[in-house]
């Protein structure tokens, strides 16, 4: 190939450069809006032009998907009481109670949360967290803290908090969710502990006998994935990240957790 080659796809382009150190083709992607400024975090490499172009096209599709996802989230926020949803998703009982007592809570959320694949009442979120926080998550326990491990020490917890820049432990999140359960009873006479919800009905995307690689591809790849933004609110309760399908994603994540605990995944 020439010293430099330009790839083009759907208005995006990438300048390929041969790296003499590893003899691979390295590229950075530019958007149609900024054709001369590469996007951060979207570099790639291939052993030949065919492989590089395949990766380039795949990444362009991902970039477009992320852009559409962000636009959908922005539109959803303009029509939804997402602040109340955030209070429950991030398990913020004090903020949640304040919104309700200040009449800022949209009571339509007691019936359904619009957005995503599943429309469910908002209190399903608290029930889901109750299940998730009080049991093993198997391959991703480490993402919300080591407290479930038998030999966990205070030093282990502090190390986790420092590494993840987290501001709340798993145990603290569990205590906050217990407070949230009391608020549902106090404010709306909804007893989370007595509600029987079949979360396995939300197991719509995971095929039977999913492999760990398939799990990684689906559950850890935003916006198609789940873990990265679902578990963010546990470790970082003040995060203002909230997406239009966050509640329905949590429903599916809970189903996945339950299936793993039953040994069916």
C-alpha atoms as a PDB file:
ATOM      1  CA  UNK A   1       0.000   0.000   0.000  1.00  0.00           C
ATOM      2  CA  UNK A   2       0.948   3.647  -0.196  1.00  0.00           C
ATOM      3  CA  UNK A   3       2.502   5.219   2.857  1.00  0.00           C
ATOM      4  CA  UNK A   4      -0.927   6.669   3.624  1.00  0.00           C
ATOM      5  CA  UNK A   5      -4.376   5.425   2.556  1.00  0.00           C
ATOM      6  CA  UNK A   6      -7.775   7.007   3.227  1.00  0.00           C
ATOM      7  CA  UNK A   7     -10.799   4.821   3.960  1.00  0.00           C
ATOM      8  CA  UNK A   8     -14.323   6.226   3.534  1.00  0.00           C
ATOM      9  CA  UNK A   9     -17.696   4.935   4.741  1.00  0.00           C
ATOM     10  CA  UNK A  10     -21.042   6.707   5.267  1.00  0.00           C
ATOM     11  CA  UNK A  11     -19.347  10.121   5.257  1.00  0.00           C
ATOM     12  CA  UNK A  12     -16.720   9.067   7.799  1.00  0.00           C
ATOM     13  CA  UNK A  13     -13.099   8.665   6.869  1.00  0.00           C
ATOM     14  CA  UNK A  14      -9.936   7.224   8.345  1.00  0.00           C
ATOM     15  CA  UNK A  15      -6.326   7.886   7.443  1.00  0.00           C
ATOM     16  CA  UNK A  16      -4.325   4.652   7.490  1.00  0.00           C
ATOM     17  CA  UNK A  17      -0.638   4.791   8.245  1.00  0.00           C
ATOM     18  CA  UNK A  18       1.794   1.892   8.098  1.00  0.00           C
ATOM     19  CA  UNK A  19       3.668   1.557  11.379  1.00  0.00           C
ATOM     20  CA  UNK A  20       7.166   0.212  10.583  1.00  0.00           C
ATOM     21  CA  UNK A  21       7.587  -1.059  14.160  1.00  0.00           C
ATOM     22  CA  UNK A  22       4.848  -3.698  13.919  1.00  0.00           C
ATOM     23  CA  UNK A  23       4.100  -3.526  10.170  1.00  0.00           C
ATOM     24  CA  UNK A  24       0.409  -2.932  10.903  1.00  0.00           C
ATOM     25  CA  UNK A  25      -1.963  -0.346   9.527  1.00  0.00           C
ATOM     26  CA  UNK A  26      -3.103   2.173  12.109  1.00  0.00           C
ATOM     27  CA  UNK A  27      -6.049   4.502  11.628  1.00  0.00           C
ATOM     28  CA  UNK A  28      -8.061   7.218  13.337  1.00  0.00           C
ATOM     29  CA  UNK A  29     -11.662   8.031  12.437  1.00  0.00           C
ATOM     30  CA  UNK A  30     -12.990  11.479  11.516  1.00  0.00           C
ATOM     31  CA  UNK A  31     -16.675  12.402  11.382  1.00  0.00           C
ATOM     32  CA  UNK A  32     -18.391  14.160   8.453  1.00  0.00           C
ATOM     33  CA  UNK A  33     -18.790  17.208  10.725  1.00  0.00           C
ATOM     34  CA  UNK A  34     -15.082  17.324  11.618  1.00  0.00           C
ATOM     35  CA  UNK A  35     -13.238  15.702   8.704  1.00  0.00           C
ATOM     36  CA  UNK A  36      -9.803  16.779   9.898  1.00  0.00           C
ATOM     37  CA  UNK A  37     -10.125  16.029  13.645  1.00  0.00           C
ATOM     38  CA  UNK A  38     -10.000  12.361  14.740  1.00  0.00           C
ATOM     39  CA  UNK A  39     -12.516  11.188  17.353  1.00  0.00           C
ATOM     40  CA  UNK A  40     -10.984  10.382  20.720  1.00  0.00           C
ATOM     41  CA  UNK A  41     -11.051   6.710  21.612  1.00  0.00           C
ATOM     42  CA  UNK A  42     -11.832   5.353  18.151  1.00  0.00           C
ATOM     43  CA  UNK A  43      -8.382   4.419  16.843  1.00  0.00           C
ATOM     44  CA  UNK A  44      -7.879   0.991  15.295  1.00  0.00           C
ATOM     45  CA  UNK A  45      -5.302  -1.244  13.641  1.00  0.00           C
ATOM     46  CA  UNK A  46      -5.301  -4.069  11.097  1.00  0.00           C
ATOM     47  CA  UNK A  47      -2.806  -6.478   9.638  1.00  0.00           C
ATOM     48  CA  UNK A  48      -3.848  -5.560   6.080  1.00  0.00           C
ATOM     49  CA  UNK A  49      -6.186  -3.201   4.255  1.00  0.00           C
ATOM     50  CA  UNK A  50      -9.040  -5.715   4.220  1.00  0.00           C
ATOM     51  CA  UNK A  51      -8.926  -6.198   7.980  1.00  0.00           C
ATOM     52  CA  UNK A  52      -8.478  -2.477   8.640  1.00  0.00           C
ATOM     53  CA  UNK A  53     -11.457  -1.601   6.447  1.00  0.00           C
ATOM     54  CA  UNK A  54     -13.623  -4.227   8.162  1.00  0.00           C
ATOM     55  CA  UNK A  55     -12.783  -2.795  11.590  1.00  0.00           C
ATOM     56  CA  UNK A  56     -13.239   0.760  10.310  1.00  0.00           C
ATOM     57  CA  UNK A  57     -16.750   0.042   9.003  1.00  0.00           C
ATOM     58  CA  UNK A  58     -17.689  -1.750  12.214  1.00  0.00           C
ATOM     59  CA  UNK A  59     -16.555   1.201  14.314  1.00  0.00           C
ATOM     60  CA  UNK A  60     -18.410   3.688  12.095  1.00  0.00           C
ATOM     61  CA  UNK A  61     -21.609   1.706  12.670  1.00  0.00           C
ATOM     62  CA  UNK A  62     -20.939   1.860  16.414  1.00  0.00           C
ATOM     63  CA  UNK A  63     -20.312   5.608  16.299  1.00  0.00           C
ATOM     64  CA  UNK A  64     -23.588   6.141  14.430  1.00  0.00           C
ATOM     65  CA  UNK A  65     -25.389   3.903  16.939  1.00  0.00           C
ATOM     66  CA  UNK A  66     -23.996   5.893  19.862  1.00  0.00           C
ATOM     67  CA  UNK A  67     -25.018   9.158  18.221  1.00  0.00           C
ATOM     68  CA  UNK A  68     -28.579   7.937  17.629  1.00  0.00           C
ATOM     69  CA  UNK A  69     -28.719   6.628  21.191  1.00  0.00           C
ATOM     70  CA  UNK A  70     -27.664  10.002  22.634  1.00  0.00           C
ATOM     71  CA  UNK A  71     -30.223  11.813  20.491  1.00  0.00           C
ATOM     72  CA  UNK A  72     -32.944   9.433  21.693  1.00  0.00           C
ATOM     73  CA  UNK A  73     -31.928  10.025  25.321  1.00  0.00           C
ATOM     74  CA  UNK A  74     -32.035  13.798  24.840  1.00  0.00           C
ATOM     75  CA  UNK A  75     -35.533  13.629  23.343  1.00  0.00           C
ATOM     76  CA  UNK A  76     -36.704  11.327  26.153  1.00  0.00           C
ATOM     77  CA  UNK A  77     -35.424  13.672  28.853  1.00  0.00           C
ATOM     78  CA  UNK A  78     -37.485  16.520  27.432  1.00  0.00           C
ATOM     79  CA  UNK A  79     -40.689  14.510  27.914  1.00  0.00           C
ATOM     80  CA  UNK A  80     -40.037  12.488  31.076  1.00  0.00           C
ATOM     81  CA  UNK A  81     -39.599  13.059  34.804  1.00  0.00           C
ATOM     82  CA  UNK A  82     -36.135  11.588  34.539  1.00  0.00           C
ATOM     83  CA  UNK A  83     -34.937  13.220  37.774  1.00  0.00           C
ATOM     84  CA  UNK A  84     -37.332  11.059  39.772  1.00  0.00           C
ATOM     85  CA  UNK A  85     -36.236   8.021  37.799  1.00  0.00           C
ATOM     86  CA  UNK A  86     -32.608   8.916  38.537  1.00  0.00           C
ATOM     87  CA  UNK A  87     -33.367   9.122  42.260  1.00  0.00           C
ATOM     88  CA  UNK A  88     -34.656   5.548  42.233  1.00  0.00           C
ATOM     89  CA  UNK A  89     -32.087   4.169  39.772  1.00  0.00           C
ATOM     90  CA  UNK A  90     -29.191   5.675  41.731  1.00  0.00           C
ATOM     91  CA  UNK A  91     -30.875   4.803  45.056  1.00  0.00           C
ATOM     92  CA  UNK A  92     -31.174   8.293  46.542  1.00  0.00           C
ATOM     93  CA  UNK A  93     -33.965   8.015  49.137  1.00  0.00           C
ATOM     94  CA  UNK A  94     -33.628  11.535  50.566  1.00  0.00           C
ATOM     95  CA  UNK A  95     -33.767  13.152  47.125  1.00  0.00           C
ATOM     96  CA  UNK A  96     -36.665  10.926  46.128  1.00  0.00           C
ATOM     97  CA  UNK A  97     -38.709  11.855  49.195  1.00  0.00           C
ATOM     98  CA  UNK A  98     -38.034  15.547  48.586  1.00  0.00           C
ATOM     99  CA  UNK A  99     -39.287  15.332  44.999  1.00  0.00           C
ATOM    100  CA  UNK A 100     -42.484  13.633  46.149  1.00  0.00           C
ATOM    101  CA  UNK A 101     -43.182  16.049  49.007  1.00  0.00           C
ATOM    102  CA  UNK A 102     -42.414  19.025  46.743  1.00  0.00           C
ATOM    103  CA  UNK A 103     -44.931  17.697  44.191  1.00  0.00           C
ATOM    104  CA  UNK A 104     -42.231  17.266  41.553  1.00  0.00           C
ATOM    105  CA  UNK A 105     -42.828  13.545  41.170  1.00  0.00           C
ATOM    106  CA  UNK A 106     -44.836  12.452  38.120  1.00  0.00           C
ATOM    107  CA  UNK A 107     -47.301   9.933  39.535  1.00  0.00           C
ATOM    108  CA  UNK A 108     -47.697   8.369  36.101  1.00  0.00           C
ATOM    109  CA  UNK A 109     -44.397   6.629  36.920  1.00  0.00           C
ATOM    110  CA  UNK A 110     -46.350   4.510  39.409  1.00  0.00           C
ATOM    111  CA  UNK A 111     -47.952   2.839  36.396  1.00  0.00           C
ATOM    112  CA  UNK A 112     -45.150   2.748  33.819  1.00  0.00           C
ATOM    113  CA  UNK A 113     -41.837   4.301  32.912  1.00  0.00           C
ATOM    114  CA  UNK A 114     -41.913   5.133  29.221  1.00  0.00           C
ATOM    115  CA  UNK A 115     -38.788   4.178  27.323  1.00  0.00           C
ATOM    116  CA  UNK A 116     -36.819   1.123  26.331  1.00  0.00           C
ATOM    117  CA  UNK A 117     -38.122  -2.361  25.670  1.00  0.00           C
ATOM    118  CA  UNK A 118     -40.197  -2.834  28.825  1.00  0.00           C
ATOM    119  CA  UNK A 119     -42.682  -0.408  30.358  1.00  0.00           C
ATOM    120  CA  UNK A 120     -42.889  -1.129  34.079  1.00  0.00           C
ATOM    121  CA  UNK A 121     -43.817   0.767  37.259  1.00  0.00           C
ATOM    122  CA  UNK A 122     -40.899   2.679  38.746  1.00  0.00           C
ATOM    123  CA  UNK A 123     -40.986   0.721  42.008  1.00  0.00           C
ATOM    124  CA  UNK A 124     -39.831  -2.341  40.038  1.00  0.00           C
ATOM    125  CA  UNK A 125     -36.405  -0.672  40.131  1.00  0.00           C
ATOM    126  CA  UNK A 126     -36.235  -0.818  43.929  1.00  0.00           C
ATOM    127  CA  UNK A 127     -37.313  -4.468  43.861  1.00  0.00           C
ATOM    128  CA  UNK A 128     -34.632  -5.233  41.262  1.00  0.00           C
ATOM    129  CA  UNK A 129     -31.906  -3.568  43.330  1.00  0.00           C
ATOM    130  CA  UNK A 130     -33.116  -5.504  46.387  1.00  0.00           C
ATOM    131  CA  UNK A 131     -32.478  -8.724  44.485  1.00  0.00           C
ATOM    132  CA  UNK A 132     -29.179  -7.668  42.951  1.00  0.00           C
ATOM    133  CA  UNK A 133     -27.580  -6.122  46.034  1.00  0.00           C
ATOM    134  CA  UNK A 134     -28.345  -9.073  48.296  1.00  0.00           C
ATOM    135  CA  UNK A 135     -26.721 -11.824  46.280  1.00  0.00           C
ATOM    136  CA  UNK A 136     -23.905 -12.839  44.015  1.00  0.00           C
ATOM    137  CA  UNK A 137     -23.449 -11.352  40.554  1.00  0.00           C
ATOM    138  CA  UNK A 138     -20.918 -13.989  39.536  1.00  0.00           C
ATOM    139  CA  UNK A 139     -18.500 -12.618  36.938  1.00  0.00           C
ATOM    140  CA  UNK A 140     -19.153  -8.969  37.731  1.00  0.00           C
ATOM    141  CA  UNK A 141     -19.280  -8.845  41.539  1.00  0.00           C
ATOM    142  CA  UNK A 142     -16.120  -6.778  41.396  1.00  0.00           C
ATOM    143  CA  UNK A 143     -17.981  -3.960  39.666  1.00  0.00           C
ATOM    144  CA  UNK A 144     -19.947  -2.977  42.781  1.00  0.00           C
ATOM    145  CA  UNK A 145     -17.512  -3.883  45.527  1.00  0.00           C
ATOM    146  CA  UNK A 146     -15.967  -6.869  47.289  1.00  0.00           C
ATOM    147  CA  UNK A 147     -18.211  -7.004  50.374  1.00  0.00           C
ATOM    148  CA  UNK A 148     -19.830 -10.291  49.320  1.00  0.00           C
ATOM    149  CA  UNK A 149     -16.488 -12.100  49.459  1.00  0.00           C
ATOM    150  CA  UNK A 150     -15.958 -14.105  52.646  1.00  0.00           C
ATOM    151  CA  UNK A 151     -12.431 -12.812  53.222  1.00  0.00           C
ATOM    152  CA  UNK A 152     -13.273  -9.174  52.447  1.00  0.00           C
ATOM    153  CA  UNK A 153     -11.500  -6.680  54.717  1.00  0.00           C
ATOM    154  CA  UNK A 154     -11.913  -2.973  55.287  1.00  0.00           C
ATOM    155  CA  UNK A 155      -8.681  -2.508  53.328  1.00  0.00           C
ATOM    156  CA  UNK A 156     -10.241  -4.345  50.365  1.00  0.00           C
ATOM    157  CA  UNK A 157     -13.231  -2.016  50.430  1.00  0.00           C
ATOM    158  CA  UNK A 158     -11.088   1.098  50.609  1.00  0.00           C
ATOM    159  CA  UNK A 159      -8.932  -0.171  47.755  1.00  0.00           C
ATOM    160  CA  UNK A 160     -12.032  -0.720  45.634  1.00  0.00           C
ATOM    161  CA  UNK A 161     -13.376   2.751  46.410  1.00  0.00           C
ATOM    162  CA  UNK A 162     -10.039   4.311  45.492  1.00  0.00           C
ATOM    163  CA  UNK A 163      -9.604   2.349  42.277  1.00  0.00           C
ATOM    164  CA  UNK A 164     -13.159   2.953  41.055  1.00  0.00           C
ATOM    165  CA  UNK A 165     -13.273   6.516  42.424  1.00  0.00           C
ATOM    166  CA  UNK A 166     -16.494   5.290  44.010  1.00  0.00           C
ATOM    167  CA  UNK A 167     -18.292   7.246  46.723  1.00  0.00           C
ATOM    168  CA  UNK A 168     -20.487   4.482  48.173  1.00  0.00           C
ATOM    169  CA  UNK A 169     -19.909   0.874  49.136  1.00  0.00           C
ATOM    170  CA  UNK A 170     -22.167  -1.984  48.160  1.00  0.00           C
ATOM    171  CA  UNK A 171     -23.395  -2.271  51.756  1.00  0.00           C
ATOM    172  CA  UNK A 172     -24.222   1.438  51.839  1.00  0.00           C
ATOM    173  CA  UNK A 173     -26.164   1.090  48.589  1.00  0.00           C
ATOM    174  CA  UNK A 174     -28.086  -1.799  50.137  1.00  0.00           C
ATOM    175  CA  UNK A 175     -28.942   0.271  53.213  1.00  0.00           C
ATOM    176  CA  UNK A 176     -30.078   3.146  51.014  1.00  0.00           C
ATOM    177  CA  UNK A 177     -32.277   0.781  49.032  1.00  0.00           C
ATOM    178  CA  UNK A 178     -33.869  -0.435  52.259  1.00  0.00           C
ATOM    179  CA  UNK A 179     -34.679   3.226  52.979  1.00  0.00           C
ATOM    180  CA  UNK A 180     -36.175   3.468  49.499  1.00  0.00           C
ATOM    181  CA  UNK A 181     -38.401   0.473  50.249  1.00  0.00           C
ATOM    182  CA  UNK A 182     -39.696   2.201  53.363  1.00  0.00           C
ATOM    183  CA  UNK A 183     -40.481   5.312  51.326  1.00  0.00           C
ATOM    184  CA  UNK A 184     -42.553   3.366  48.803  1.00  0.00           C
ATOM    185  CA  UNK A 185     -44.589   2.073  51.763  1.00  0.00           C
ATOM    186  CA  UNK A 186     -44.769   5.435  53.514  1.00  0.00           C
ATOM    187  CA  UNK A 187     -45.564   7.591  50.483  1.00  0.00           C
ATOM    188  CA  UNK A 188     -47.543   5.249  48.216  1.00  0.00           C
ATOM    189  CA  UNK A 189     -48.485   2.244  50.382  1.00  0.00           C
ATOM    190  CA  UNK A 190     -46.453  -0.048  48.126  1.00  0.00           C
ATOM    191  CA  UNK A 191     -44.805  -2.890  50.051  1.00  0.00           C
ATOM    192  CA  UNK A 192     -41.762  -3.896  48.009  1.00  0.00           C
ATOM    193  CA  UNK A 193     -41.062  -6.963  50.148  1.00  0.00           C
ATOM    194  CA  UNK A 194     -44.471  -8.525  49.495  1.00  0.00           C
ATOM    195  CA  UNK A 195     -44.539  -7.809  45.771  1.00  0.00           C
ATOM    196  CA  UNK A 196     -43.862 -10.903  43.684  1.00  0.00           C
ATOM    197  CA  UNK A 197     -42.329  -9.905  40.343  1.00  0.00           C
ATOM    198  CA  UNK A 198     -41.276 -12.496  37.775  1.00  0.00           C
ATOM    199  CA  UNK A 199     -38.167 -10.774  36.436  1.00  0.00           C
ATOM    200  CA  UNK A 200     -37.452 -13.773  34.224  1.00  0.00           C
ATOM    201  CA  UNK A 201     -40.182 -12.465  31.908  1.00  0.00           C
ATOM    202  CA  UNK A 202     -37.658  -9.789  30.917  1.00  0.00           C
ATOM    203  CA  UNK A 203     -35.099 -12.297  29.674  1.00  0.00           C
ATOM    204  CA  UNK A 204     -35.746 -11.297  26.089  1.00  0.00           C
ATOM    205  CA  UNK A 205     -32.283 -10.781  24.619  1.00  0.00           C
ATOM    206  CA  UNK A 206     -30.075 -13.421  26.178  1.00  0.00           C
ATOM    207  CA  UNK A 207     -30.040 -16.741  24.321  1.00  0.00           C
ATOM    208  CA  UNK A 208     -29.887 -19.991  26.328  1.00  0.00           C
ATOM    209  CA  UNK A 209     -26.404 -21.099  27.370  1.00  0.00           C
ATOM    210  CA  UNK A 210     -24.888 -17.719  26.611  1.00  0.00           C
ATOM    211  CA  UNK A 211     -21.096 -17.792  26.554  1.00  0.00           C
ATOM    212  CA  UNK A 212     -18.932 -15.453  28.593  1.00  0.00           C
ATOM    213  CA  UNK A 213     -17.784 -13.720  25.390  1.00  0.00           C
ATOM    214  CA  UNK A 214     -21.396 -13.174  24.329  1.00  0.00           C
ATOM    215  CA  UNK A 215     -22.111 -11.888  27.820  1.00  0.00           C
ATOM    216  CA  UNK A 216     -19.201  -9.439  27.524  1.00  0.00           C
ATOM    217  CA  UNK A 217     -20.284  -8.283  24.067  1.00  0.00           C
ATOM    218  CA  UNK A 218     -23.868  -7.621  25.097  1.00  0.00           C
ATOM    219  CA  UNK A 219     -23.766  -6.562  28.713  1.00  0.00           C
ATOM    220  CA  UNK A 220     -20.616  -4.449  28.657  1.00  0.00           C
ATOM    221  CA  UNK A 221     -20.968  -2.487  25.426  1.00  0.00           C
ATOM    222  CA  UNK A 222     -22.877   0.790  25.659  1.00  0.00           C
ATOM    223  CA  UNK A 223     -25.375   1.558  24.199  1.00  0.00           C
ATOM    224  CA  UNK A 224     -26.201  -2.081  23.456  1.00  0.00           C
ATOM    225  CA  UNK A 225     -24.764  -3.154  26.784  1.00  0.00           C
ATOM    226  CA  UNK A 226     -26.023  -2.845  30.319  1.00  0.00           C
ATOM    227  CA  UNK A 227     -23.429  -3.111  33.080  1.00  0.00           C
ATOM    228  CA  UNK A 228     -21.499   0.074  32.439  1.00  0.00           C
ATOM    229  CA  UNK A 229     -24.393   2.419  33.016  1.00  0.00           C
ATOM    230  CA  UNK A 230     -26.688   0.282  35.165  1.00  0.00           C
ATOM    231  CA  UNK A 231     -24.075  -0.263  37.882  1.00  0.00           C
ATOM    232  CA  UNK A 232     -22.739   3.293  37.661  1.00  0.00           C
ATOM    233  CA  UNK A 233     -25.404   4.567  40.066  1.00  0.00           C
ATOM    234  CA  UNK A 234     -24.356   2.085  42.766  1.00  0.00           C
ATOM    235  CA  UNK A 235     -20.769   3.274  42.975  1.00  0.00           C
ATOM    236  CA  UNK A 236     -21.444   6.843  41.880  1.00  0.00           C
ATOM    237  CA  UNK A 237     -24.871   7.806  43.223  1.00  0.00           C
ATOM    238  CA  UNK A 238     -24.491  11.464  42.270  1.00  0.00           C
ATOM    239  CA  UNK A 239     -23.927  10.634  38.615  1.00  0.00           C
ATOM    240  CA  UNK A 240     -26.389  12.466  36.388  1.00  0.00           C
ATOM    241  CA  UNK A 241     -26.146   9.833  33.669  1.00  0.00           C
ATOM    242  CA  UNK A 242     -29.652   8.604  32.901  1.00  0.00           C
ATOM    243  CA  UNK A 243     -30.805   6.991  29.672  1.00  0.00           C
ATOM    244  CA  UNK A 244     -34.189   6.455  28.098  1.00  0.00           C
ATOM    245  CA  UNK A 245     -34.018   2.680  28.458  1.00  0.00           C
ATOM    246  CA  UNK A 246     -32.204   2.426  31.771  1.00  0.00           C
ATOM    247  CA  UNK A 247     -35.168   0.994  33.667  1.00  0.00           C
ATOM    248  CA  UNK A 248     -35.939  -1.665  31.080  1.00  0.00           C
ATOM    249  CA  UNK A 249     -32.223  -2.527  30.894  1.00  0.00           C
ATOM    250  CA  UNK A 250     -32.210  -3.081  34.662  1.00  0.00           C
ATOM    251  CA  UNK A 251     -35.155  -5.449  34.295  1.00  0.00           C
ATOM    252  CA  UNK A 252     -33.198  -7.528  31.819  1.00  0.00           C
ATOM    253  CA  UNK A 253     -30.059  -7.387  33.914  1.00  0.00           C
ATOM    254  CA  UNK A 254     -32.010  -8.684  36.914  1.00  0.00           C
ATOM    255  CA  UNK A 255     -33.304 -11.583  34.825  1.00  0.00           C
ATOM    256  CA  UNK A 256     -29.745 -12.372  33.774  1.00  0.00           C
ATOM    257  CA  UNK A 257     -28.567 -12.328  37.395  1.00  0.00           C
ATOM    258  CA  UNK A 258     -31.366 -14.651  38.500  1.00  0.00           C
ATOM    259  CA  UNK A 259     -30.635 -17.096  35.693  1.00  0.00           C
ATOM    260  CA  UNK A 260     -26.988 -17.199  36.692  1.00  0.00           C
ATOM    261  CA  UNK A 261     -27.920 -17.867  40.303  1.00  0.00           C
ATOM    262  CA  UNK A 262     -30.135 -20.733  39.161  1.00  0.00           C
ATOM    263  CA  UNK A 263     -27.247 -22.148  37.180  1.00  0.00           C
ATOM    264  CA  UNK A 264     -29.037 -21.753  33.876  1.00  0.00           C
ATOM    265  CA  UNK A 265     -26.363 -19.531  32.313  1.00  0.00           C
END
